[in-house]
Amino acid sequence: MTEAKPTWTDQFYETDDGLRIHARDYPGPEGAGTVVCLHGLTRNAADFEALCGHLFGRYRLLVIEQRGRGRSDRDPDPSHYEVGRYVQDTLGMLAALAIDKPVLIGTSMGGLMSMLMLAAAPERYRGAVINDIGPVVESSGLARIASYVGKGVPVSGWKDAAAAVRASNGDAFPDYDEAAWVAFARRLYREGEDGMLELNYDPAIAKPFNAGQAGGVPPALWAVFDAMGTTPLLVIRGALSDILAAETVAEMQRRRPDLEQVEVPRVGHAPMLDEPEVLAAIDGFLARVLG
């Protein structure tokens, strides 16, 4: 039997400041639980295509694109490109769609959003999968991200785009071949109105990020982590990560002995959530918390 091809409905939510936020809404069986996916700083809904293809038909899947990314509106005020605003937008969309007690799956920035959302109201969620981020964010990884965010150079085609992506992410994925880098580029770039390729995010997202970098190492968020209560957690770490240190995961485990974790060998920041060990861990976690 041929599996059904994953399909989605485009959902749009208007924020209190008048922007339209886009999400891909993959249907699930009647009464199935909902999984809400939250992407990283420069990413968009395409990052979760492999995971949604794997989970399609078992749960409702909502993949939200934050303001300034993908099909969501760009903000004329770059100061709004910050995590607190993204959380507010996300909560508004969940309320508008009457989504109750979802599981959150957050990569990098999306993982920070998930932590803040759980800390504020842990009873609203069935669980969370935190991908390669934690209460302590390593300064070396932040400096690497600051070196390229918002600084995309013109590319002439998909091979050129793949080379650009490899230049900034090669250390994190040492085993990728050319086909994998092209696939990576197709998640990050889109064709502009002039037919040329452009990064699928507003370059202005770099302004508040870089301003934060200028302030030095961000404070540890252990109080946020502790406020997340007993909501079930699965933490994913790339073994080569320069954002989430093994020592941070160990401390998370010490504070939450029930925390589940998986480490992906020969992958840095951040795992793509299509790795076999990650898919197996997510399958087991969702089966336990959503049934």
C-alpha atoms as a PDB file:
ATOM      1  CA  MET A   1       0.000   0.000   0.000  1.00  0.00           C
ATOM      2  CA  THR A   2       1.297   3.452  -0.921  1.00  0.00           C
ATOM      3  CA  GLU A   3       1.392   5.918   1.964  1.00  0.00           C
ATOM      4  CA  ALA A   4      -0.649   9.101   1.582  1.00  0.00           C
ATOM      5  CA  LYS A   5       1.438  12.096   0.570  1.00  0.00           C
ATOM      6  CA  PRO A   6       1.537  14.684   3.350  1.00  0.00           C
ATOM      7  CA  THR A   7      -0.710  17.638   2.550  1.00  0.00           C
ATOM      8  CA  TRP A   8      -1.520  20.726   4.536  1.00  0.00           C
ATOM      9  CA  THR A   9      -3.912  23.648   4.723  1.00  0.00           C
ATOM     10  CA  ASP A  10      -2.484  27.154   4.920  1.00  0.00           C
ATOM     11  CA  GLN A  11      -3.603  28.926   8.077  1.00  0.00           C
ATOM     12  CA  PHE A  12      -3.173  32.644   8.689  1.00  0.00           C
ATOM     13  CA  TYR A  13      -3.512  34.556  11.953  1.00  0.00           C
ATOM     14  CA  GLU A  14      -3.552  38.339  12.278  1.00  0.00           C
ATOM     15  CA  THR A  15      -1.527  39.598  15.209  1.00  0.00           C
ATOM     16  CA  ASP A  16      -2.518  42.492  17.437  1.00  0.00           C
ATOM     17  CA  ASP A  17      -0.155  44.743  15.454  1.00  0.00           C
ATOM     18  CA  GLY A  18      -1.639  43.790  12.108  1.00  0.00           C
ATOM     19  CA  LEU A  19       0.799  41.222  10.682  1.00  0.00           C
ATOM     20  CA  ARG A  20      -0.318  37.952   9.124  1.00  0.00           C
ATOM     21  CA  ILE A  21       1.388  34.875  10.544  1.00  0.00           C
ATOM     22  CA  HIS A  22       1.373  31.741   8.399  1.00  0.00           C
ATOM     23  CA  ALA A  23       1.288  28.090   9.415  1.00  0.00           C
ATOM     24  CA  ARG A  24       1.071  24.759   7.667  1.00  0.00           C
ATOM     25  CA  ASP A  25      -1.761  22.727   9.203  1.00  0.00           C
ATOM     26  CA  TYR A  26      -1.476  18.989   8.498  1.00  0.00           C
ATOM     27  CA  PRO A  27      -4.691  17.137   9.420  1.00  0.00           C
ATOM     28  CA  GLY A  28      -4.761  14.199  11.789  1.00  0.00           C
ATOM     29  CA  PRO A  29      -7.317  11.563  12.738  1.00  0.00           C
ATOM     30  CA  GLU A  30     -10.426  12.637  14.632  1.00  0.00           C
ATOM     31  CA  GLY A  31      -9.551  13.105  18.276  1.00  0.00           C
ATOM     32  CA  ALA A  32      -5.798  12.818  17.693  1.00  0.00           C
ATOM     33  CA  GLY A  33      -3.429  15.021  19.646  1.00  0.00           C
ATOM     34  CA  THR A  34      -1.737  18.065  18.130  1.00  0.00           C
ATOM     35  CA  VAL A  35       1.979  18.661  17.617  1.00  0.00           C
ATOM     36  CA  VAL A  36       3.099  22.283  17.183  1.00  0.00           C
ATOM     37  CA  CYS A  37       6.471  22.791  15.464  1.00  0.00           C
ATOM     38  CA  LEU A  38       8.562  25.930  16.057  1.00  0.00           C
ATOM     39  CA  HIS A  39      11.588  26.661  13.854  1.00  0.00           C
ATOM     40  CA  GLY A  40      14.950  28.286  14.452  1.00  0.00           C
ATOM     41  CA  LEU A  41      16.168  31.847  13.943  1.00  0.00           C
ATOM     42  CA  THR A  42      16.660  31.884  10.166  1.00  0.00           C
ATOM     43  CA  ARG A  43      14.405  28.961   9.288  1.00  0.00           C
ATOM     44  CA  ASN A  44      10.821  28.294   8.211  1.00  0.00           C
ATOM     45  CA  ALA A  45       8.199  25.560   7.908  1.00  0.00           C
ATOM     46  CA  ALA A  46      10.235  23.614   5.343  1.00  0.00           C
ATOM     47  CA  ASP A  47      12.590  22.521   8.135  1.00  0.00           C
ATOM     48  CA  PHE A  48       9.905  20.157   9.424  1.00  0.00           C
ATOM     49  CA  GLU A  49       8.903  18.561   6.107  1.00  0.00           C
ATOM     50  CA  ALA A  50      10.710  15.292   6.799  1.00  0.00           C
ATOM     51  CA  LEU A  51       9.358  15.042  10.350  1.00  0.00           C
ATOM     52  CA  CYS A  52       5.817  15.878   9.223  1.00  0.00           C
ATOM     53  CA  GLY A  53       6.086  13.310   6.463  1.00  0.00           C
ATOM     54  CA  HIS A  54       7.055  10.742   9.093  1.00  0.00           C
ATOM     55  CA  LEU A  55       4.258  11.687  11.536  1.00  0.00           C
ATOM     56  CA  PHE A  56       1.554  12.456   8.948  1.00  0.00           C
ATOM     57  CA  GLY A  57      -1.698  10.639   9.543  1.00  0.00           C
ATOM     58  CA  ARG A  58      -1.079  10.016  13.254  1.00  0.00           C
ATOM     59  CA  TYR A  59      -1.426  13.513  14.737  1.00  0.00           C
ATOM     60  CA  ARG A  60      -2.516  16.979  13.731  1.00  0.00           C
ATOM     61  CA  LEU A  61       0.664  18.910  12.908  1.00  0.00           C
ATOM     62  CA  LEU A  62       0.838  22.715  13.006  1.00  0.00           C
ATOM     63  CA  VAL A  63       4.073  24.256  11.716  1.00  0.00           C
ATOM     64  CA  ILE A  64       4.154  27.986  12.462  1.00  0.00           C
ATOM     65  CA  GLU A  65       6.349  30.455  10.581  1.00  0.00           C
ATOM     66  CA  GLN A  66       7.341  33.355  12.807  1.00  0.00           C
ATOM     67  CA  ARG A  67       7.065  36.952  11.595  1.00  0.00           C
ATOM     68  CA  GLY A  68       9.700  37.724   9.003  1.00  0.00           C
ATOM     69  CA  ARG A  69      10.035  34.098   7.855  1.00  0.00           C
ATOM     70  CA  GLY A  70       8.524  32.094   5.038  1.00  0.00           C
ATOM     71  CA  ARG A  71       5.010  33.241   4.126  1.00  0.00           C
ATOM     72  CA  SER A  72       4.523  35.258   7.307  1.00  0.00           C
ATOM     73  CA  ASP A  73       4.609  39.039   6.972  1.00  0.00           C
ATOM     74  CA  ARG A  74       7.819  40.947   7.496  1.00  0.00           C
ATOM     75  CA  ASP A  75       7.761  43.473  10.320  1.00  0.00           C
ATOM     76  CA  PRO A  76       8.508  47.112   9.466  1.00  0.00           C
ATOM     77  CA  ASP A  77       9.922  47.491  12.982  1.00  0.00           C
ATOM     78  CA  PRO A  78      12.928  45.144  13.386  1.00  0.00           C
ATOM     79  CA  SER A  79      12.862  45.559  17.167  1.00  0.00           C
ATOM     80  CA  HIS A  80       9.849  43.223  17.174  1.00  0.00           C
ATOM     81  CA  TYR A  81      12.031  40.363  15.969  1.00  0.00           C
ATOM     82  CA  GLU A  82      12.523  38.900  19.433  1.00  0.00           C
ATOM     83  CA  VAL A  83      11.533  35.736  21.249  1.00  0.00           C
ATOM     84  CA  GLY A  84       8.905  37.302  23.517  1.00  0.00           C
ATOM     85  CA  ARG A  85       7.042  38.674  20.516  1.00  0.00           C
ATOM     86  CA  TYR A  86       7.226  35.319  18.729  1.00  0.00           C
ATOM     87  CA  VAL A  87       5.764  33.592  21.783  1.00  0.00           C
ATOM     88  CA  GLN A  88       2.926  36.123  21.872  1.00  0.00           C
ATOM     89  CA  ASP A  89       2.198  35.523  18.182  1.00  0.00           C
ATOM     90  CA  THR A  90       2.274  31.761  18.661  1.00  0.00           C
ATOM     91  CA  LEU A  91      -0.063  31.814  21.647  1.00  0.00           C
ATOM     92  CA  GLY A  92      -2.457  34.010  19.675  1.00  0.00           C
ATOM     93  CA  MET A  93      -2.529  31.574  16.765  1.00  0.00           C
ATOM     94  CA  LEU A  94      -3.054  28.572  19.066  1.00  0.00           C
ATOM     95  CA  ALA A  95      -5.980  30.358  20.733  1.00  0.00           C
ATOM     96  CA  ALA A  96      -7.479  31.371  17.377  1.00  0.00           C
ATOM     97  CA  LEU A  97      -7.325  27.744  16.182  1.00  0.00           C
ATOM     98  CA  ALA A  98      -8.650  26.439  19.539  1.00  0.00           C
ATOM     99  CA  ILE A  99      -5.652  24.140  19.957  1.00  0.00           C
ATOM    100  CA  ASP A 100      -5.664  22.623  23.420  1.00  0.00           C
ATOM    101  CA  LYS A 101      -2.765  20.893  25.185  1.00  0.00           C
ATOM    102  CA  PRO A 102      -0.416  20.315  22.250  1.00  0.00           C
ATOM    103  CA  VAL A 103       3.061  18.865  22.291  1.00  0.00           C
ATOM    104  CA  LEU A 104       5.675  21.445  21.276  1.00  0.00           C
ATOM    105  CA  ILE A 105       8.648  20.556  19.094  1.00  0.00           C
ATOM    106  CA  GLY A 106      11.090  23.457  19.007  1.00  0.00           C
ATOM    107  CA  THR A 107      14.429  23.710  17.228  1.00  0.00           C
ATOM    108  CA  SER A 108      16.991  26.210  18.543  1.00  0.00           C
ATOM    109  CA  MET A 109      15.058  29.507  18.868  1.00  0.00           C
ATOM    110  CA  GLY A 110      11.859  27.462  18.734  1.00  0.00           C
ATOM    111  CA  GLY A 111      13.188  25.442  21.654  1.00  0.00           C
ATOM    112  CA  LEU A 112      13.715  28.625  23.680  1.00  0.00           C
ATOM    113  CA  MET A 113      10.151  29.622  22.814  1.00  0.00           C
ATOM    114  CA  SER A 114       8.947  26.224  24.004  1.00  0.00           C
ATOM    115  CA  MET A 115      10.787  26.601  27.295  1.00  0.00           C
ATOM    116  CA  LEU A 116       9.252  30.026  27.914  1.00  0.00           C
ATOM    117  CA  MET A 117       5.763  28.802  27.012  1.00  0.00           C
ATOM    118  CA  LEU A 118       6.016  25.827  29.358  1.00  0.00           C
ATOM    119  CA  ALA A 119       7.471  27.924  32.172  1.00  0.00           C
ATOM    120  CA  ALA A 120       4.554  30.355  31.954  1.00  0.00           C
ATOM    121  CA  ALA A 121       1.834  27.690  31.895  1.00  0.00           C
ATOM    122  CA  PRO A 122       3.091  24.078  32.015  1.00  0.00           C
ATOM    123  CA  GLU A 123      -0.450  22.731  32.408  1.00  0.00           C
ATOM    124  CA  ARG A 124      -1.313  23.878  28.873  1.00  0.00           C
ATOM    125  CA  TYR A 125       0.995  21.361  27.190  1.00  0.00           C
ATOM    126  CA  ARG A 126       1.269  17.583  27.010  1.00  0.00           C
ATOM    127  CA  GLY A 127       5.020  17.753  26.551  1.00  0.00           C
ATOM    128  CA  ALA A 128       7.888  19.300  24.630  1.00  0.00           C
ATOM    129  CA  VAL A 129      10.740  18.184  22.409  1.00  0.00           C
ATOM    130  CA  ILE A 130      13.642  20.630  22.719  1.00  0.00           C
ATOM    131  CA  ASN A 131      16.080  20.387  19.807  1.00  0.00           C
ATOM    132  CA  ASP A 132      19.668  21.440  20.500  1.00  0.00           C
ATOM    133  CA  ILE A 133      19.064  24.294  22.907  1.00  0.00           C
ATOM    134  CA  GLY A 134      18.948  24.610  26.664  1.00  0.00           C
ATOM    135  CA  PRO A 135      19.116  26.979  29.633  1.00  0.00           C
ATOM    136  CA  VAL A 136      22.756  27.775  28.790  1.00  0.00           C
ATOM    137  CA  VAL A 137      23.507  28.845  25.212  1.00  0.00           C
ATOM    138  CA  GLU A 138      27.167  28.601  24.263  1.00  0.00           C
ATOM    139  CA  SER A 139      28.738  31.892  23.182  1.00  0.00           C
ATOM    140  CA  SER A 140      30.823  30.228  20.471  1.00  0.00           C
ATOM    141  CA  GLY A 141      27.703  29.052  18.671  1.00  0.00           C
ATOM    142  CA  LEU A 142      26.028  32.428  18.978  1.00  0.00           C
ATOM    143  CA  ALA A 143      29.102  34.099  17.494  1.00  0.00           C
ATOM    144  CA  ARG A 144      29.023  31.679  14.565  1.00  0.00           C
ATOM    145  CA  ILE A 145      25.351  32.456  13.888  1.00  0.00           C
ATOM    146  CA  ALA A 146      26.025  36.197  14.150  1.00  0.00           C
ATOM    147  CA  SER A 147      28.701  35.822  11.473  1.00  0.00           C
ATOM    148  CA  TYR A 148      26.144  34.912   8.800  1.00  0.00           C
ATOM    149  CA  VAL A 149      22.612  35.885   9.860  1.00  0.00           C
ATOM    150  CA  GLY A 150      21.251  38.646   7.652  1.00  0.00           C
ATOM    151  CA  LYS A 151      24.402  38.651   5.520  1.00  0.00           C
ATOM    152  CA  GLY A 152      23.383  36.440   2.622  1.00  0.00           C
ATOM    153  CA  VAL A 153      25.418  36.954  -0.534  1.00  0.00           C
ATOM    154  CA  PRO A 154      23.783  36.858  -3.983  1.00  0.00           C
ATOM    155  CA  VAL A 155      23.573  33.361  -5.469  1.00  0.00           C
ATOM    156  CA  SER A 156      23.055  32.477  -9.105  1.00  0.00           C
ATOM    157  CA  GLY A 157      21.375  29.082  -8.766  1.00  0.00           C
ATOM    158  CA  TRP A 158      20.770  26.114  -6.491  1.00  0.00           C
ATOM    159  CA  LYS A 159      24.352  24.827  -6.759  1.00  0.00           C
ATOM    160  CA  ASP A 160      25.608  28.257  -5.723  1.00  0.00           C
ATOM    161  CA  ALA A 161      23.060  28.400  -2.880  1.00  0.00           C
ATOM    162  CA  ALA A 162      24.171  24.958  -1.684  1.00  0.00           C
ATOM    163  CA  ALA A 163      27.772  26.172  -1.570  1.00  0.00           C
ATOM    164  CA  ALA A 164      26.747  29.209   0.480  1.00  0.00           C
ATOM    165  CA  VAL A 165      24.812  27.044   2.943  1.00  0.00           C
ATOM    166  CA  ARG A 166      27.709  24.626   3.230  1.00  0.00           C
ATOM    167  CA  ALA A 167      30.113  27.482   3.990  1.00  0.00           C
ATOM    168  CA  SER A 168      28.146  28.422   7.134  1.00  0.00           C
ATOM    169  CA  ASN A 169      26.977  24.944   8.195  1.00  0.00           C
ATOM    170  CA  GLY A 170      29.645  22.547   6.962  1.00  0.00           C
ATOM    171  CA  ASP A 171      31.167  21.849  10.373  1.00  0.00           C
ATOM    172  CA  ALA A 172      27.757  20.823  11.714  1.00  0.00           C
ATOM    173  CA  PHE A 173      27.093  18.252   8.993  1.00  0.00           C
ATOM    174  CA  PRO A 174      30.447  16.757   7.983  1.00  0.00           C
ATOM    175  CA  ASP A 175      28.849  13.750   6.264  1.00  0.00           C
ATOM    176  CA  TYR A 176      26.527  15.678   3.924  1.00  0.00           C
ATOM    177  CA  ASP A 177      27.042  15.129   0.195  1.00  0.00           C
ATOM    178  CA  GLU A 178      26.188  17.565  -2.602  1.00  0.00           C
ATOM    179  CA  ALA A 179      22.589  16.347  -2.872  1.00  0.00           C
ATOM    180  CA  ALA A 180      22.059  16.901   0.858  1.00  0.00           C
ATOM    181  CA  TRP A 181      23.422  20.460   0.622  1.00  0.00           C
ATOM    182  CA  VAL A 182      21.121  21.268  -2.292  1.00  0.00           C
ATOM    183  CA  ALA A 183      18.176  19.916  -0.285  1.00  0.00           C
ATOM    184  CA  PHE A 184      19.319  22.072   2.649  1.00  0.00           C
ATOM    185  CA  ALA A 185      19.487  25.139   0.399  1.00  0.00           C
ATOM    186  CA  ARG A 186      15.982  24.509  -0.923  1.00  0.00           C
ATOM    187  CA  ARG A 187      14.687  24.789   2.640  1.00  0.00           C
ATOM    188  CA  LEU A 188      16.466  28.102   3.211  1.00  0.00           C
ATOM    189  CA  TYR A 189      16.049  29.921  -0.108  1.00  0.00           C
ATOM    190  CA  ARG A 190      13.114  30.908  -2.295  1.00  0.00           C
ATOM    191  CA  GLU A 191      12.732  32.455  -5.723  1.00  0.00           C
ATOM    192  CA  GLY A 192      12.152  36.208  -5.521  1.00  0.00           C
ATOM    193  CA  GLU A 193       9.821  38.185  -7.754  1.00  0.00           C
ATOM    194  CA  ASP A 194      12.737  38.753 -10.125  1.00  0.00           C
ATOM    195  CA  GLY A 195      13.338  34.999 -10.408  1.00  0.00           C
ATOM    196  CA  MET A 196      16.574  35.193  -8.434  1.00  0.00           C
ATOM    197  CA  LEU A 197      17.149  33.138  -5.312  1.00  0.00           C
ATOM    198  CA  GLU A 198      16.958  34.897  -1.959  1.00  0.00           C
ATOM    199  CA  LEU A 199      17.029  33.770   1.665  1.00  0.00           C
ATOM    200  CA  ASN A 200      13.517  33.039   2.905  1.00  0.00           C
ATOM    201  CA  TYR A 201      13.635  35.461   5.823  1.00  0.00           C
ATOM    202  CA  ASP A 202      13.820  39.181   6.450  1.00  0.00           C
ATOM    203  CA  PRO A 203      17.523  40.155   6.799  1.00  0.00           C
ATOM    204  CA  ALA A 204      16.419  42.660   9.464  1.00  0.00           C
ATOM    205  CA  ILE A 205      16.009  39.802  11.967  1.00  0.00           C
ATOM    206  CA  ALA A 206      19.769  40.169  12.422  1.00  0.00           C
ATOM    207  CA  LYS A 207      19.489  43.618  14.021  1.00  0.00           C
ATOM    208  CA  PRO A 208      18.099  42.664  17.461  1.00  0.00           C
ATOM    209  CA  PHE A 209      20.053  39.389  17.434  1.00  0.00           C
ATOM    210  CA  ASN A 210      23.357  41.155  16.845  1.00  0.00           C
ATOM    211  CA  ALA A 211      22.455  43.847  19.375  1.00  0.00           C
ATOM    212  CA  GLY A 212      21.990  41.100  21.946  1.00  0.00           C
ATOM    213  CA  GLN A 213      25.346  39.620  20.982  1.00  0.00           C
ATOM    214  CA  ALA A 214      27.005  42.953  21.621  1.00  0.00           C
ATOM    215  CA  GLY A 215      25.788  42.711  25.196  1.00  0.00           C
ATOM    216  CA  GLY A 216      27.888  39.614  25.817  1.00  0.00           C
ATOM    217  CA  VAL A 217      26.970  36.097  26.893  1.00  0.00           C
ATOM    218  CA  PRO A 218      23.213  35.758  27.562  1.00  0.00           C
ATOM    219  CA  PRO A 219      22.146  34.887  31.096  1.00  0.00           C
ATOM    220  CA  ALA A 220      21.461  31.272  31.991  1.00  0.00           C
ATOM    221  CA  LEU A 221      17.790  30.341  32.043  1.00  0.00           C
ATOM    222  CA  TRP A 222      17.782  27.776  34.833  1.00  0.00           C
ATOM    223  CA  ALA A 223      14.892  29.539  36.598  1.00  0.00           C
ATOM    224  CA  VAL A 224      12.873  29.174  33.377  1.00  0.00           C
ATOM    225  CA  PHE A 225      13.808  25.507  33.111  1.00  0.00           C
ATOM    226  CA  ASP A 226      12.831  24.829  36.719  1.00  0.00           C
ATOM    227  CA  ALA A 227       9.482  26.595  36.195  1.00  0.00           C
ATOM    228  CA  MET A 228       8.584  24.125  33.460  1.00  0.00           C
ATOM    229  CA  GLY A 229       7.445  21.767  36.189  1.00  0.00           C
ATOM    230  CA  THR A 230       6.915  18.106  35.419  1.00  0.00           C
ATOM    231  CA  THR A 231       5.769  18.498  31.825  1.00  0.00           C
ATOM    232  CA  PRO A 232       7.334  15.572  29.899  1.00  0.00           C
ATOM    233  CA  LEU A 233      10.509  16.581  28.058  1.00  0.00           C
ATOM    234  CA  LEU A 234      12.663  15.053  25.350  1.00  0.00           C
ATOM    235  CA  VAL A 235      15.968  16.819  24.675  1.00  0.00           C
ATOM    236  CA  ILE A 236      17.836  16.252  21.417  1.00  0.00           C
ATOM    237  CA  ARG A 237      21.492  17.215  21.078  1.00  0.00           C
ATOM    238  CA  GLY A 238      23.860  17.092  18.148  1.00  0.00           C
ATOM    239  CA  ALA A 239      27.122  15.565  19.367  1.00  0.00           C
ATOM    240  CA  LEU A 240      29.040  18.330  17.542  1.00  0.00           C
ATOM    241  CA  SER A 241      26.787  21.139  18.785  1.00  0.00           C
ATOM    242  CA  ASP A 242      28.363  24.502  19.566  1.00  0.00           C
ATOM    243  CA  ILE A 243      25.069  25.769  21.070  1.00  0.00           C
ATOM    244  CA  LEU A 244      24.075  23.060  23.564  1.00  0.00           C
ATOM    245  CA  ALA A 245      26.941  21.638  25.625  1.00  0.00           C
ATOM    246  CA  ALA A 246      26.884  18.093  26.988  1.00  0.00           C
ATOM    247  CA  GLU A 247      27.408  19.578  30.459  1.00  0.00           C
ATOM    248  CA  THR A 248      24.203  21.579  30.120  1.00  0.00           C
ATOM    249  CA  VAL A 249      22.240  18.451  29.179  1.00  0.00           C
ATOM    250  CA  ALA A 250      23.728  16.653  32.178  1.00  0.00           C
ATOM    251  CA  GLU A 251      22.548  19.439  34.487  1.00  0.00           C
ATOM    252  CA  MET A 252      19.089  19.380  32.879  1.00  0.00           C
ATOM    253  CA  GLN A 253      18.993  15.642  33.561  1.00  0.00           C
ATOM    254  CA  ARG A 254      20.102  16.162  37.166  1.00  0.00           C
ATOM    255  CA  ARG A 255      17.298  18.655  37.748  1.00  0.00           C
ATOM    256  CA  ARG A 256      14.771  16.533  35.872  1.00  0.00           C
ATOM    257  CA  PRO A 257      15.621  12.813  36.323  1.00  0.00           C
ATOM    258  CA  ASP A 258      12.591  11.913  34.173  1.00  0.00           C
ATOM    259  CA  LEU A 259      13.918  13.898  31.215  1.00  0.00           C
ATOM    260  CA  GLU A 260      14.464  11.825  28.071  1.00  0.00           C
ATOM    261  CA  GLN A 261      17.418  12.589  25.846  1.00  0.00           C
ATOM    262  CA  VAL A 262      19.022  11.469  22.616  1.00  0.00           C
ATOM    263  CA  GLU A 263      22.364  12.515  21.132  1.00  0.00           C
ATOM    264  CA  VAL A 264      22.951  12.419  17.391  1.00  0.00           C
ATOM    265  CA  PRO A 265      26.519  11.443  16.398  1.00  0.00           C
ATOM    266  CA  ARG A 266      28.444  13.477  13.822  1.00  0.00           C
ATOM    267  CA  VAL A 267      25.821  16.226  13.712  1.00  0.00           C
ATOM    268  CA  GLY A 268      26.101  19.736  15.102  1.00  0.00           C
ATOM    269  CA  HIS A 269      23.564  22.529  15.493  1.00  0.00           C
ATOM    270  CA  ALA A 270      20.913  21.564  14.915  1.00  0.00           C
ATOM    271  CA  PRO A 271      19.762  18.011  14.125  1.00  0.00           C
ATOM    272  CA  MET A 272      17.299  17.987  11.216  1.00  0.00           C
ATOM    273  CA  LEU A 273      14.832  15.700  13.037  1.00  0.00           C
ATOM    274  CA  ASP A 274      15.039  13.182  10.212  1.00  0.00           C
ATOM    275  CA  GLU A 275      17.824  11.110  11.780  1.00  0.00           C
ATOM    276  CA  PRO A 276      16.735   7.504  12.573  1.00  0.00           C
ATOM    277  CA  GLU A 277      17.537   7.760  16.276  1.00  0.00           C
ATOM    278  CA  VAL A 278      15.659  11.043  16.543  1.00  0.00           C
ATOM    279  CA  LEU A 279      12.570   9.739  14.743  1.00  0.00           C
ATOM    280  CA  ALA A 280      12.520   6.669  17.003  1.00  0.00           C
ATOM    281  CA  ALA A 281      12.819   8.855  20.117  1.00  0.00           C
ATOM    282  CA  ILE A 282      10.061  11.228  18.957  1.00  0.00           C
ATOM    283  CA  ASP A 283       7.799   8.298  18.037  1.00  0.00           C
ATOM    284  CA  GLY A 284       8.156   6.814  21.499  1.00  0.00           C
ATOM    285  CA  PHE A 285       7.759  10.153  23.259  1.00  0.00           C
ATOM    286  CA  LEU A 286       4.579  11.116  21.372  1.00  0.00           C
ATOM    287  CA  ALA A 287       3.093   7.660  21.892  1.00  0.00           C
ATOM    288  CA  ARG A 288       3.573   8.071  25.636  1.00  0.00           C
ATOM    289  CA  VAL A 289       2.270  11.629  26.013  1.00  0.00           C
ATOM    290  CA  LEU A 290      -0.459  11.667  23.334  1.00  0.00           C
ATOM    291  CA  GLY A 291      -1.428   7.990  23.241  1.00  0.00           C
END
